[in-house]
């Protein structure tokens, strides 16, 4: 993995943390903190796994990378609203906390798909390294 890949990992991780923190604010202060942390993690590992896509087909790399973004958004969107479930236990899983969890999942999937597509297009445009093993 070259230096440019590490820079790309951190750039996308920071962007993901900002997005996660912003949308996490709707889940309260704890949601914002979890959003920043989960955004950093899913952003970093999104690029890590997207760079490992073995196909030489640009279209397939974009499709798989977009799927990874959708999955990363789902994970982050759900995790952002988990603290609100514990804070608002009186409402139960399907009370307002459960609604926030579902909303977080939906927003996570939508935002993750969009950002994942953009990231996948960038990653797919990076020339493939030849592995000499």
N, C-alpha and C. Protein backbone atom coordinates (compact mmCIF):
# COMPACT_ATOMS: atom_id res chain seq x y z
N UNK A 1 0.86 -1.17 0.00
CA UNK A 1 0.00 0.00 0.00
C UNK A 1 0.91 1.23 0.00
N UNK A 2 0.64 2.17 -0.89
CA UNK A 2 1.51 3.33 -0.97
C UNK A 2 1.01 4.47 -0.10
N UNK A 3 1.83 5.53 -0.03
CA UNK A 3 1.53 6.68 0.81
C UNK A 3 0.22 7.36 0.41
N UNK A 4 -0.06 7.42 -0.89
CA UNK A 4 -1.31 8.02 -1.37
C UNK A 4 -2.54 7.30 -0.85
N UNK A 5 -2.44 5.98 -0.71
CA UNK A 5 -3.57 5.21 -0.18
C UNK A 5 -3.83 5.58 1.28
N UNK A 6 -2.76 5.75 2.05
CA UNK A 6 -2.94 6.12 3.46
C UNK A 6 -3.55 7.51 3.58
N UNK A 7 -3.14 8.43 2.72
CA UNK A 7 -3.73 9.77 2.73
C UNK A 7 -5.21 9.68 2.38
N UNK A 8 -5.53 8.89 1.36
CA UNK A 8 -6.93 8.72 0.96
C UNK A 8 -7.76 8.12 2.10
N UNK A 9 -7.21 7.13 2.80
CA UNK A 9 -7.92 6.53 3.93
C UNK A 9 -8.28 7.59 4.96
N UNK A 10 -7.31 8.44 5.30
CA UNK A 10 -7.56 9.43 6.35
C UNK A 10 -8.45 10.57 5.88
N UNK A 11 -8.34 10.94 4.61
CA UNK A 11 -9.22 11.99 4.10
C UNK A 11 -10.67 11.52 4.15
N UNK A 12 -10.92 10.32 3.66
CA UNK A 12 -12.29 9.80 3.68
C UNK A 12 -12.75 9.53 5.12
N UNK A 13 -11.85 9.10 5.99
CA UNK A 13 -12.21 8.88 7.39
C UNK A 13 -12.63 10.19 8.06
N UNK A 14 -11.91 11.26 7.80
CA UNK A 14 -12.24 12.56 8.39
C UNK A 14 -13.57 13.08 7.83
N UNK A 15 -13.78 12.93 6.53
CA UNK A 15 -15.05 13.33 5.93
C UNK A 15 -16.20 12.52 6.54
N UNK A 16 -15.99 11.22 6.68
CA UNK A 16 -17.01 10.35 7.28
C UNK A 16 -17.28 10.74 8.73
N UNK A 17 -16.23 11.10 9.46
CA UNK A 17 -16.40 11.53 10.86
C UNK A 17 -17.22 12.81 10.93
N UNK A 18 -16.96 13.73 10.01
CA UNK A 18 -17.73 14.98 10.00
C UNK A 18 -19.20 14.72 9.68
N UNK A 19 -19.45 13.86 8.72
CA UNK A 19 -20.83 13.51 8.37
C UNK A 19 -21.50 12.80 9.55
N UNK A 20 -20.80 11.82 10.14
CA UNK A 20 -21.34 11.09 11.28
C UNK A 20 -21.61 11.99 12.47
N UNK A 21 -20.70 12.92 12.73
CA UNK A 21 -20.89 13.85 13.84
C UNK A 21 -22.07 14.78 13.61
N UNK A 22 -22.21 15.27 12.36
CA UNK A 22 -23.33 16.15 12.04
C UNK A 22 -24.67 15.44 12.22
N UNK A 23 -24.80 14.26 11.62
CA UNK A 23 -26.06 13.54 11.75
C UNK A 23 -26.25 12.98 13.15
N UNK A 24 -25.15 12.72 13.84
CA UNK A 24 -25.23 12.25 15.22
C UNK A 24 -25.80 13.30 16.15
N UNK A 25 -25.65 14.58 15.80
CA UNK A 25 -26.22 15.65 16.63
C UNK A 25 -27.72 15.49 16.81
N UNK A 26 -28.38 14.90 15.82
CA UNK A 26 -29.82 14.69 15.92
C UNK A 26 -30.15 13.63 16.98
N UNK A 27 -29.15 12.83 17.33
CA UNK A 27 -29.32 11.84 18.39
C UNK A 27 -28.84 12.34 19.73
N UNK A 28 -28.46 13.62 19.81
CA UNK A 28 -27.98 14.21 21.05
C UNK A 28 -26.46 14.25 21.09
N UNK A 29 -25.91 14.79 22.17
CA UNK A 29 -24.45 14.91 22.28
C UNK A 29 -23.73 13.56 22.23
N UNK A 30 -24.31 12.57 22.87
CA UNK A 30 -23.70 11.24 22.82
C UNK A 30 -23.72 10.70 21.40
N UNK A 31 -24.78 10.98 20.68
CA UNK A 31 -24.88 10.54 19.28
C UNK A 31 -23.83 11.21 18.41
N UNK A 32 -23.54 12.48 18.69
CA UNK A 32 -22.51 13.19 17.92
C UNK A 32 -21.14 12.58 18.16
N UNK A 33 -20.84 12.26 19.40
CA UNK A 33 -19.54 11.65 19.72
C UNK A 33 -19.43 10.28 19.07
N UNK A 34 -20.48 9.48 19.19
CA UNK A 34 -20.46 8.16 18.56
C UNK A 34 -20.39 8.31 17.04
N UNK A 35 -21.06 9.33 16.49
CA UNK A 35 -21.02 9.57 15.05
C UNK A 35 -19.62 9.88 14.56
N UNK A 36 -18.90 10.69 15.32
CA UNK A 36 -17.52 11.02 14.95
C UNK A 36 -16.64 9.78 15.00
N UNK A 37 -16.76 9.02 16.08
CA UNK A 37 -15.93 7.82 16.23
C UNK A 37 -16.28 6.77 15.18
N UNK A 38 -17.57 6.51 15.01
CA UNK A 38 -17.95 5.49 14.02
C UNK A 38 -17.63 5.96 12.61
N UNK A 39 -17.78 7.26 12.35
CA UNK A 39 -17.42 7.80 11.05
C UNK A 39 -15.95 7.60 10.73
N UNK A 40 -15.09 7.86 11.72
CA UNK A 40 -13.66 7.62 11.52
C UNK A 40 -13.38 6.16 11.20
N UNK A 41 -13.98 5.29 11.99
CA UNK A 41 -13.73 3.85 11.81
C UNK A 41 -14.26 3.33 10.48
N UNK A 42 -15.53 3.61 10.19
CA UNK A 42 -16.09 3.05 8.96
C UNK A 42 -15.48 3.71 7.72
N UNK A 43 -15.13 4.99 7.81
CA UNK A 43 -14.48 5.66 6.69
C UNK A 43 -13.12 5.07 6.39
N UNK A 44 -12.34 4.86 7.44
CA UNK A 44 -11.00 4.29 7.27
C UNK A 44 -11.08 2.87 6.70
N UNK A 45 -11.92 2.05 7.32
CA UNK A 45 -12.00 0.66 6.87
C UNK A 45 -12.75 0.51 5.54
N UNK A 46 -13.61 1.45 5.21
CA UNK A 46 -14.24 1.44 3.89
C UNK A 46 -13.16 1.50 2.82
N UNK A 47 -12.25 2.46 2.94
CA UNK A 47 -11.18 2.60 1.95
C UNK A 47 -10.27 1.38 2.00
N UNK A 48 -9.96 0.90 3.19
CA UNK A 48 -9.10 -0.28 3.34
C UNK A 48 -9.65 -1.46 2.55
N UNK A 49 -10.94 -1.74 2.71
CA UNK A 49 -11.54 -2.88 2.01
C UNK A 49 -11.79 -2.58 0.54
N UNK A 50 -12.14 -1.35 0.22
CA UNK A 50 -12.39 -1.00 -1.19
C UNK A 50 -11.11 -1.10 -2.01
N UNK A 51 -9.97 -0.79 -1.41
CA UNK A 51 -8.70 -0.93 -2.13
C UNK A 51 -8.32 -2.39 -2.38
N UNK A 52 -8.90 -3.29 -1.60
CA UNK A 52 -8.60 -4.71 -1.74
C UNK A 52 -9.51 -5.44 -2.72
N UNK A 53 -10.44 -4.73 -3.35
CA UNK A 53 -11.32 -5.37 -4.32
C UNK A 53 -10.45 -5.92 -5.44
N UNK A 54 -10.56 -7.20 -5.68
CA UNK A 54 -9.65 -7.88 -6.59
C UNK A 54 -9.94 -7.72 -8.07
N UNK A 55 -11.08 -7.24 -8.43
CA UNK A 55 -11.46 -7.16 -9.83
C UNK A 55 -10.69 -6.06 -10.56
N UNK A 56 -10.38 -6.33 -11.81
CA UNK A 56 -9.76 -5.31 -12.66
C UNK A 56 -10.81 -4.50 -13.40
N UNK A 57 -12.07 -4.90 -13.30
CA UNK A 57 -13.17 -4.20 -13.95
C UNK A 57 -13.53 -2.95 -13.13
N UNK A 58 -13.44 -1.80 -13.76
CA UNK A 58 -13.75 -0.55 -13.08
C UNK A 58 -15.20 -0.53 -12.62
N UNK A 59 -16.11 -0.98 -13.46
CA UNK A 59 -17.53 -0.98 -13.11
C UNK A 59 -17.79 -1.86 -11.89
N UNK A 60 -17.21 -3.04 -11.86
CA UNK A 60 -17.41 -3.94 -10.73
C UNK A 60 -16.81 -3.35 -9.45
N UNK A 61 -15.67 -2.70 -9.56
CA UNK A 61 -15.06 -2.06 -8.40
C UNK A 61 -15.95 -0.94 -7.87
N UNK A 62 -16.60 -0.21 -8.77
CA UNK A 62 -17.51 0.86 -8.34
C UNK A 62 -18.74 0.28 -7.67
N UNK A 63 -19.29 -0.79 -8.24
CA UNK A 63 -20.48 -1.41 -7.66
C UNK A 63 -20.18 -1.98 -6.28
N UNK A 64 -19.09 -2.72 -6.15
CA UNK A 64 -18.73 -3.31 -4.86
C UNK A 64 -18.38 -2.21 -3.86
N UNK A 65 -17.64 -1.20 -4.31
CA UNK A 65 -17.29 -0.08 -3.44
C UNK A 65 -18.52 0.67 -2.94
N UNK A 66 -19.51 0.83 -3.81
CA UNK A 66 -20.76 1.48 -3.42
C UNK A 66 -21.49 0.64 -2.39
N UNK A 67 -21.50 -0.68 -2.59
CA UNK A 67 -22.11 -1.58 -1.61
C UNK A 67 -21.41 -1.46 -0.26
N UNK A 68 -20.08 -1.41 -0.27
CA UNK A 68 -19.32 -1.23 0.98
C UNK A 68 -19.71 0.09 1.66
N UNK A 69 -19.90 1.14 0.86
CA UNK A 69 -20.32 2.43 1.41
C UNK A 69 -21.70 2.35 2.04
N UNK A 70 -22.61 1.64 1.38
CA UNK A 70 -23.95 1.45 1.92
C UNK A 70 -23.90 0.71 3.25
N UNK A 71 -23.11 -0.34 3.29
CA UNK A 71 -22.96 -1.11 4.53
C UNK A 71 -22.31 -0.26 5.62
N UNK A 72 -21.28 0.51 5.27
CA UNK A 72 -20.62 1.38 6.25
C UNK A 72 -21.60 2.43 6.77
N UNK A 73 -22.41 2.99 5.89
CA UNK A 73 -23.41 3.98 6.31
C UNK A 73 -24.45 3.37 7.24
N UNK A 74 -24.87 2.16 6.95
CA UNK A 74 -25.84 1.47 7.81
C UNK A 74 -25.26 1.27 9.21
N UNK A 75 -24.03 0.78 9.26
CA UNK A 75 -23.38 0.54 10.55
C UNK A 75 -23.25 1.85 11.33
N UNK A 76 -22.78 2.89 10.66
CA UNK A 76 -22.60 4.17 11.33
C UNK A 76 -23.93 4.79 11.72
N UNK A 77 -24.91 4.75 10.83
CA UNK A 77 -26.22 5.33 11.11
C UNK A 77 -26.93 4.68 12.28
N UNK A 78 -26.79 3.38 12.40
CA UNK A 78 -27.41 2.67 13.52
C UNK A 78 -26.63 2.96 14.80
N UNK A 79 -25.30 2.90 14.73
CA UNK A 79 -24.51 3.09 15.94
C UNK A 79 -24.66 4.49 16.53
N UNK A 80 -24.93 5.48 15.69
CA UNK A 80 -25.11 6.85 16.16
C UNK A 80 -26.31 6.96 17.09
N UNK A 81 -27.34 6.18 16.83
CA UNK A 81 -28.57 6.30 17.61
C UNK A 81 -28.70 5.27 18.73
N UNK A 82 -27.73 4.39 18.88
CA UNK A 82 -27.78 3.42 19.97
C UNK A 82 -27.76 4.10 21.34
N UNK A 83 -26.92 5.15 21.55
CA UNK A 83 -26.96 5.80 22.86
C UNK A 83 -28.33 6.35 23.23
N UNK A 84 -29.09 6.82 22.24
CA UNK A 84 -30.42 7.36 22.55
C UNK A 84 -31.36 6.26 23.04
N UNK A 85 -31.11 5.02 22.64
CA UNK A 85 -31.94 3.91 23.14
C UNK A 85 -31.73 3.71 24.63
N UNK A 86 -30.47 3.85 25.07
CA UNK A 86 -30.17 3.65 26.48
C UNK A 86 -30.59 4.86 27.32
N UNK A 87 -30.49 6.04 26.74
CA UNK A 87 -30.88 7.26 27.46
C UNK A 87 -32.40 7.32 27.60
N UNK A 88 -33.12 6.89 26.57
CA UNK A 88 -34.58 6.96 26.57
C UNK A 88 -35.19 5.58 26.74
N UNK A 89 -34.71 4.83 27.72
CA UNK A 89 -35.18 3.45 27.91
C UNK A 89 -36.67 3.37 28.19
N UNK A 90 -37.24 4.40 28.74
CA UNK A 90 -38.66 4.34 29.10
C UNK A 90 -39.57 4.16 27.89
N UNK A 91 -39.05 4.47 26.69
CA UNK A 91 -39.86 4.34 25.48
C UNK A 91 -39.75 2.95 24.85
N UNK A 92 -38.80 2.17 25.29
CA UNK A 92 -38.64 0.83 24.75
C UNK A 92 -38.03 0.86 23.35
N UNK A 93 -37.83 -0.31 22.80
CA UNK A 93 -37.17 -0.44 21.50
C UNK A 93 -37.98 0.18 20.38
N UNK A 94 -39.28 0.12 20.46
CA UNK A 94 -40.10 0.66 19.38
C UNK A 94 -40.71 2.01 19.72
N UNK A 95 -40.26 2.60 20.82
CA UNK A 95 -40.69 3.96 21.16
C UNK A 95 -39.90 4.96 20.34
N UNK A 96 -39.73 6.16 20.87
CA UNK A 96 -39.03 7.20 20.11
C UNK A 96 -37.57 6.82 19.86
N UNK A 97 -36.95 6.08 20.78
CA UNK A 97 -35.58 5.64 20.55
C UNK A 97 -35.48 4.68 19.38
N UNK A 98 -36.45 3.76 19.26
CA UNK A 98 -36.47 2.82 18.14
C UNK A 98 -36.73 3.53 16.82
N UNK A 99 -37.57 4.57 16.87
CA UNK A 99 -37.81 5.36 15.67
C UNK A 99 -36.55 6.08 15.22
N UNK A 100 -35.80 6.58 16.20
CA UNK A 100 -34.53 7.25 15.89
C UNK A 100 -33.54 6.25 15.30
N UNK A 101 -33.57 5.04 15.81
CA UNK A 101 -32.68 4.00 15.29
C UNK A 101 -33.01 3.69 13.84
N UNK A 102 -34.30 3.58 13.53
CA UNK A 102 -34.72 3.32 12.15
C UNK A 102 -34.38 4.50 11.25
N UNK A 103 -34.60 5.71 11.74
CA UNK A 103 -34.26 6.91 10.97
C UNK A 103 -32.76 6.96 10.72
N UNK A 104 -31.97 6.66 11.75
CA UNK A 104 -30.51 6.63 11.60
C UNK A 104 -30.08 5.61 10.57
N UNK A 105 -30.73 4.45 10.57
CA UNK A 105 -30.39 3.41 9.59
C UNK A 105 -30.71 3.88 8.17
N UNK A 106 -31.85 4.52 8.00
CA UNK A 106 -32.24 4.99 6.66
C UNK A 106 -31.29 6.08 6.18
N UNK A 107 -31.04 7.07 7.04
CA UNK A 107 -30.11 8.13 6.65
C UNK A 107 -28.72 7.56 6.39
N UNK A 108 -28.29 6.61 7.23
CA UNK A 108 -26.98 5.98 7.05
C UNK A 108 -26.86 5.28 5.72
N UNK A 109 -27.90 4.57 5.33
CA UNK A 109 -27.88 3.85 4.05
C UNK A 109 -27.83 4.85 2.88
N UNK A 110 -28.64 5.89 2.95
CA UNK A 110 -28.67 6.87 1.86
C UNK A 110 -27.33 7.61 1.75
N UNK A 111 -26.87 8.17 2.86
CA UNK A 111 -25.62 8.92 2.85
C UNK A 111 -24.45 7.99 2.54
N UNK A 112 -24.45 6.78 3.11
CA UNK A 112 -23.38 5.81 2.84
C UNK A 112 -23.32 5.41 1.38
N UNK A 113 -24.48 5.28 0.75
CA UNK A 113 -24.52 4.93 -0.67
C UNK A 113 -23.94 6.06 -1.52
N UNK A 114 -24.33 7.29 -1.22
CA UNK A 114 -23.84 8.43 -1.99
C UNK A 114 -22.33 8.61 -1.80
N UNK A 115 -21.89 8.65 -0.55
CA UNK A 115 -20.46 8.83 -0.27
C UNK A 115 -19.68 7.61 -0.74
N UNK A 116 -20.26 6.42 -0.59
CA UNK A 116 -19.61 5.20 -1.07
C UNK A 116 -19.43 5.19 -2.58
N UNK A 117 -20.43 5.70 -3.29
CA UNK A 117 -20.32 5.78 -4.75
C UNK A 117 -19.21 6.74 -5.15
N UNK A 118 -19.18 7.91 -4.52
CA UNK A 118 -18.14 8.89 -4.83
C UNK A 118 -16.76 8.32 -4.50
N UNK A 119 -16.64 7.72 -3.32
CA UNK A 119 -15.37 7.10 -2.93
C UNK A 119 -14.98 5.96 -3.86
N UNK A 120 -15.96 5.16 -4.27
CA UNK A 120 -15.67 4.04 -5.17
C UNK A 120 -15.19 4.54 -6.53
N UNK A 121 -15.78 5.63 -7.01
CA UNK A 121 -15.32 6.20 -8.29
C UNK A 121 -13.88 6.69 -8.18
N UNK A 122 -13.55 7.31 -7.06
CA UNK A 122 -12.17 7.78 -6.85
C UNK A 122 -11.22 6.58 -6.75
N UNK A 123 -11.59 5.59 -5.96
CA UNK A 123 -10.73 4.43 -5.77
C UNK A 123 -10.60 3.63 -7.07
N UNK A 124 -11.68 3.52 -7.83
CA UNK A 124 -11.63 2.76 -9.09
C UNK A 124 -10.75 3.46 -10.13
N UNK A 125 -10.56 4.77 -9.97
CA UNK A 125 -9.72 5.50 -10.92
C UNK A 125 -8.23 5.37 -10.60
N UNK A 126 -7.92 4.85 -9.42
CA UNK A 126 -6.51 4.66 -9.03
C UNK A 126 -5.98 3.44 -9.80
N UNK A 127 -4.85 3.60 -10.48
CA UNK A 127 -4.29 2.47 -11.21
C UNK A 127 -3.99 1.29 -10.27
N UNK A 128 -4.29 0.09 -10.75
CA UNK A 128 -4.05 -1.12 -9.96
C UNK A 128 -2.55 -1.41 -9.90
N UNK A 129 -2.10 -1.81 -8.72
CA UNK A 129 -0.72 -2.21 -8.56
C UNK A 129 -0.59 -3.68 -8.96
N UNK A 130 0.46 -4.02 -9.66
CA UNK A 130 0.71 -5.43 -10.00
C UNK A 130 1.35 -6.10 -8.80
N UNK A 131 0.76 -7.20 -8.40
CA UNK A 131 1.31 -7.96 -7.28
C UNK A 131 2.32 -8.96 -7.81
N UNK A 132 3.52 -8.88 -7.30
CA UNK A 132 4.55 -9.84 -7.73
C UNK A 132 4.82 -10.80 -6.59
N UNK A 133 4.06 -11.86 -6.59
CA UNK A 133 4.22 -12.86 -5.53
C UNK A 133 4.61 -14.17 -6.16
